[in-house]
């Protein structure tokens, strides 16, 4: 969240990406920073996934990511 905040303050669009169990933590951190970052949450867990599974997770999120980066 801090990285996305820093990017946005520098004029570079960014989207916060995390796995689903971090929804509440991201909301709390955004509130404390006073920054409503664009967010995408993906399946959990990540660390034990095969390359094919990671590609599938990324593919399921890419349209939302692009929309948040290029939208209003």
N, C-alpha and C. Protein backbone atom coordinates (compact mmCIF):
# COMPACT_ATOMS: atom_id res chain seq x y z
N UNK A 1 0.82 -1.18 0.00
CA UNK A 1 0.00 0.00 0.00
C UNK A 1 0.87 1.26 0.00
N UNK A 2 1.94 1.22 0.75
CA UNK A 2 2.85 2.37 0.76
C UNK A 2 3.45 2.62 -0.62
N UNK A 3 3.83 1.54 -1.31
CA UNK A 3 4.42 1.68 -2.65
C UNK A 3 3.43 2.31 -3.62
N UNK A 4 2.19 1.84 -3.60
CA UNK A 4 1.18 2.40 -4.50
C UNK A 4 0.92 3.86 -4.16
N UNK A 5 0.87 4.16 -2.88
CA UNK A 5 0.70 5.54 -2.44
C UNK A 5 1.83 6.42 -2.98
N UNK A 6 3.06 5.96 -2.85
CA UNK A 6 4.21 6.72 -3.35
C UNK A 6 4.16 6.90 -4.87
N UNK A 7 3.78 5.84 -5.58
CA UNK A 7 3.66 5.95 -7.04
C UNK A 7 2.62 6.99 -7.42
N UNK A 8 1.44 6.87 -6.82
CA UNK A 8 0.35 7.80 -7.14
C UNK A 8 0.73 9.24 -6.83
N UNK A 9 1.41 9.47 -5.72
CA UNK A 9 1.84 10.83 -5.37
C UNK A 9 2.86 11.36 -6.36
N UNK A 10 3.56 10.45 -7.04
CA UNK A 10 4.54 10.84 -8.06
C UNK A 10 3.91 10.98 -9.44
N UNK A 11 2.60 10.76 -9.53
CA UNK A 11 1.91 10.87 -10.81
C UNK A 11 1.91 9.60 -11.63
N UNK A 12 2.31 8.49 -11.03
CA UNK A 12 2.35 7.21 -11.73
C UNK A 12 1.18 6.36 -11.23
N UNK A 13 0.26 5.98 -12.11
CA UNK A 13 -0.88 5.18 -11.66
C UNK A 13 -0.43 3.82 -11.15
N UNK A 14 -1.11 3.35 -10.13
CA UNK A 14 -0.78 2.06 -9.56
C UNK A 14 -2.00 1.36 -9.02
N UNK A 15 -1.91 0.05 -8.90
CA UNK A 15 -2.99 -0.76 -8.33
C UNK A 15 -2.36 -1.70 -7.30
N UNK A 16 -2.95 -1.74 -6.14
CA UNK A 16 -2.51 -2.63 -5.06
C UNK A 16 -3.05 -4.02 -5.36
N UNK A 17 -2.19 -5.04 -5.35
CA UNK A 17 -2.61 -6.42 -5.61
C UNK A 17 -2.20 -7.27 -4.42
N UNK A 18 -3.15 -8.02 -3.89
CA UNK A 18 -2.87 -8.92 -2.77
C UNK A 18 -3.83 -10.10 -2.86
N UNK A 19 -3.58 -11.11 -2.06
CA UNK A 19 -4.49 -12.24 -2.04
C UNK A 19 -5.64 -11.96 -1.06
N UNK A 20 -6.72 -12.68 -1.25
CA UNK A 20 -8.00 -12.42 -0.60
C UNK A 20 -7.97 -12.26 0.93
N UNK A 21 -7.17 -12.99 1.67
CA UNK A 21 -7.19 -12.81 3.12
C UNK A 21 -6.73 -11.43 3.60
N UNK A 22 -6.19 -10.62 2.72
CA UNK A 22 -5.66 -9.33 3.12
C UNK A 22 -6.61 -8.16 2.83
N UNK A 23 -7.87 -8.45 2.55
CA UNK A 23 -8.85 -7.40 2.25
C UNK A 23 -8.97 -6.43 3.42
N UNK A 24 -9.19 -6.96 4.61
CA UNK A 24 -9.37 -6.09 5.78
C UNK A 24 -8.10 -5.31 6.12
N UNK A 25 -6.96 -5.98 6.06
CA UNK A 25 -5.68 -5.32 6.36
C UNK A 25 -5.43 -4.18 5.37
N UNK A 26 -5.74 -4.40 4.10
CA UNK A 26 -5.54 -3.36 3.09
C UNK A 26 -6.46 -2.17 3.36
N UNK A 27 -7.69 -2.45 3.74
CA UNK A 27 -8.63 -1.36 4.03
C UNK A 27 -8.15 -0.54 5.22
N UNK A 28 -7.68 -1.21 6.27
CA UNK A 28 -7.19 -0.49 7.45
C UNK A 28 -5.96 0.35 7.12
N UNK A 29 -5.04 -0.23 6.35
CA UNK A 29 -3.83 0.50 6.00
C UNK A 29 -4.15 1.70 5.11
N UNK A 30 -5.06 1.52 4.16
CA UNK A 30 -5.46 2.63 3.30
C UNK A 30 -6.09 3.75 4.12
N UNK A 31 -6.93 3.38 5.07
CA UNK A 31 -7.57 4.38 5.93
C UNK A 31 -6.52 5.15 6.73
N UNK A 32 -5.56 4.44 7.28
CA UNK A 32 -4.52 5.09 8.07
C UNK A 32 -3.64 6.01 7.23
N UNK A 33 -3.44 5.62 5.98
CA UNK A 33 -2.64 6.47 5.08
C UNK A 33 -3.46 7.62 4.50
N UNK A 34 -4.77 7.53 4.64
CA UNK A 34 -5.63 8.54 4.03
C UNK A 34 -5.60 8.45 2.52
N UNK A 35 -5.50 7.24 2.02
CA UNK A 35 -5.30 7.01 0.58
C UNK A 35 -6.18 5.85 0.14
N UNK A 36 -7.09 6.09 -0.78
CA UNK A 36 -7.99 5.05 -1.27
C UNK A 36 -7.43 4.45 -2.54
N UNK A 37 -6.52 3.51 -2.38
CA UNK A 37 -5.85 2.89 -3.53
C UNK A 37 -6.79 1.97 -4.29
N UNK A 38 -6.60 1.93 -5.60
CA UNK A 38 -7.28 0.92 -6.41
C UNK A 38 -6.72 -0.43 -5.97
N UNK A 39 -7.60 -1.42 -5.81
CA UNK A 39 -7.17 -2.72 -5.28
C UNK A 39 -7.75 -3.87 -6.07
N UNK A 40 -6.94 -4.91 -6.23
CA UNK A 40 -7.39 -6.16 -6.83
C UNK A 40 -6.93 -7.28 -5.90
N UNK A 41 -7.86 -8.16 -5.57
CA UNK A 41 -7.53 -9.29 -4.71
C UNK A 41 -7.67 -10.58 -5.50
N UNK A 42 -6.70 -11.44 -5.34
CA UNK A 42 -6.65 -12.71 -6.08
C UNK A 42 -6.75 -13.88 -5.11
N UNK A 43 -6.84 -15.07 -5.68
CA UNK A 43 -6.94 -16.29 -4.87
C UNK A 43 -5.77 -16.44 -3.91
N UNK A 44 -6.03 -17.15 -2.84
CA UNK A 44 -5.01 -17.45 -1.83
C UNK A 44 -4.99 -18.96 -1.65
N UNK A 45 -3.87 -19.57 -1.37
CA UNK A 45 -2.53 -19.02 -1.24
C UNK A 45 -1.84 -18.88 -2.59
N UNK A 46 -0.73 -18.16 -2.57
CA UNK A 46 0.06 -17.92 -3.77
C UNK A 46 1.34 -18.75 -3.78
N UNK A 47 2.01 -18.83 -2.64
CA UNK A 47 3.38 -19.35 -2.60
C UNK A 47 3.56 -20.78 -3.10
N UNK A 48 2.56 -21.63 -3.00
CA UNK A 48 2.74 -23.02 -3.41
C UNK A 48 2.15 -23.34 -4.78
N UNK A 49 1.87 -22.33 -5.56
CA UNK A 49 1.23 -22.53 -6.86
C UNK A 49 2.25 -22.91 -7.94
N UNK A 50 1.78 -23.69 -8.89
CA UNK A 50 2.61 -24.01 -10.05
C UNK A 50 2.62 -22.79 -10.98
N UNK A 51 3.52 -22.82 -11.94
CA UNK A 51 3.54 -21.73 -12.92
C UNK A 51 2.20 -21.63 -13.64
N UNK A 52 1.63 -22.75 -14.00
CA UNK A 52 0.35 -22.74 -14.71
C UNK A 52 -0.75 -22.14 -13.85
N UNK A 53 -0.77 -22.46 -12.57
CA UNK A 53 -1.76 -21.88 -11.67
C UNK A 53 -1.58 -20.37 -11.52
N UNK A 54 -0.32 -19.94 -11.44
CA UNK A 54 -0.04 -18.51 -11.33
C UNK A 54 -0.47 -17.77 -12.59
N UNK A 55 -0.25 -18.37 -13.76
CA UNK A 55 -0.71 -17.75 -15.01
C UNK A 55 -2.24 -17.61 -14.99
N UNK A 56 -2.93 -18.64 -14.52
CA UNK A 56 -4.39 -18.60 -14.46
C UNK A 56 -4.87 -17.50 -13.51
N UNK A 57 -4.22 -17.37 -12.36
CA UNK A 57 -4.59 -16.32 -11.41
C UNK A 57 -4.34 -14.95 -12.02
N UNK A 58 -3.18 -14.78 -12.64
CA UNK A 58 -2.86 -13.50 -13.29
C UNK A 58 -3.85 -13.20 -14.41
N UNK A 59 -4.16 -14.19 -15.21
CA UNK A 59 -5.11 -13.98 -16.31
C UNK A 59 -6.49 -13.59 -15.80
N UNK A 60 -6.88 -14.13 -14.65
CA UNK A 60 -8.20 -13.80 -14.11
C UNK A 60 -8.25 -12.37 -13.58
N UNK A 61 -7.11 -11.77 -13.28
CA UNK A 61 -7.07 -10.43 -12.71
C UNK A 61 -6.66 -9.35 -13.71
N UNK A 62 -6.11 -9.72 -14.84
CA UNK A 62 -5.49 -8.73 -15.73
C UNK A 62 -6.49 -7.71 -16.28
N UNK A 63 -7.69 -8.12 -16.63
CA UNK A 63 -8.66 -7.16 -17.17
C UNK A 63 -9.04 -6.12 -16.12
N UNK A 64 -9.24 -6.55 -14.88
CA UNK A 64 -9.56 -5.62 -13.81
C UNK A 64 -8.40 -4.66 -13.55
N UNK A 65 -7.18 -5.21 -13.57
CA UNK A 65 -5.99 -4.37 -13.37
C UNK A 65 -5.87 -3.30 -14.45
N UNK A 66 -6.02 -3.70 -15.69
CA UNK A 66 -5.92 -2.76 -16.80
C UNK A 66 -7.03 -1.71 -16.70
N UNK A 67 -8.23 -2.15 -16.36
CA UNK A 67 -9.34 -1.21 -16.21
C UNK A 67 -9.08 -0.17 -15.13
N UNK A 68 -8.52 -0.61 -14.01
CA UNK A 68 -8.22 0.33 -12.93
C UNK A 68 -7.08 1.27 -13.29
N UNK A 69 -6.12 0.78 -14.05
CA UNK A 69 -4.98 1.62 -14.44
C UNK A 69 -5.34 2.63 -15.52
N UNK A 70 -6.29 2.30 -16.36
CA UNK A 70 -6.59 3.16 -17.51
C UNK A 70 -7.92 3.89 -17.39
N UNK A 71 -8.73 3.51 -16.41
CA UNK A 71 -10.05 4.11 -16.25
C UNK A 71 -10.01 5.45 -15.56
N UNK A 72 -11.18 6.02 -15.39
CA UNK A 72 -11.28 7.34 -14.75
C UNK A 72 -10.84 7.33 -13.29
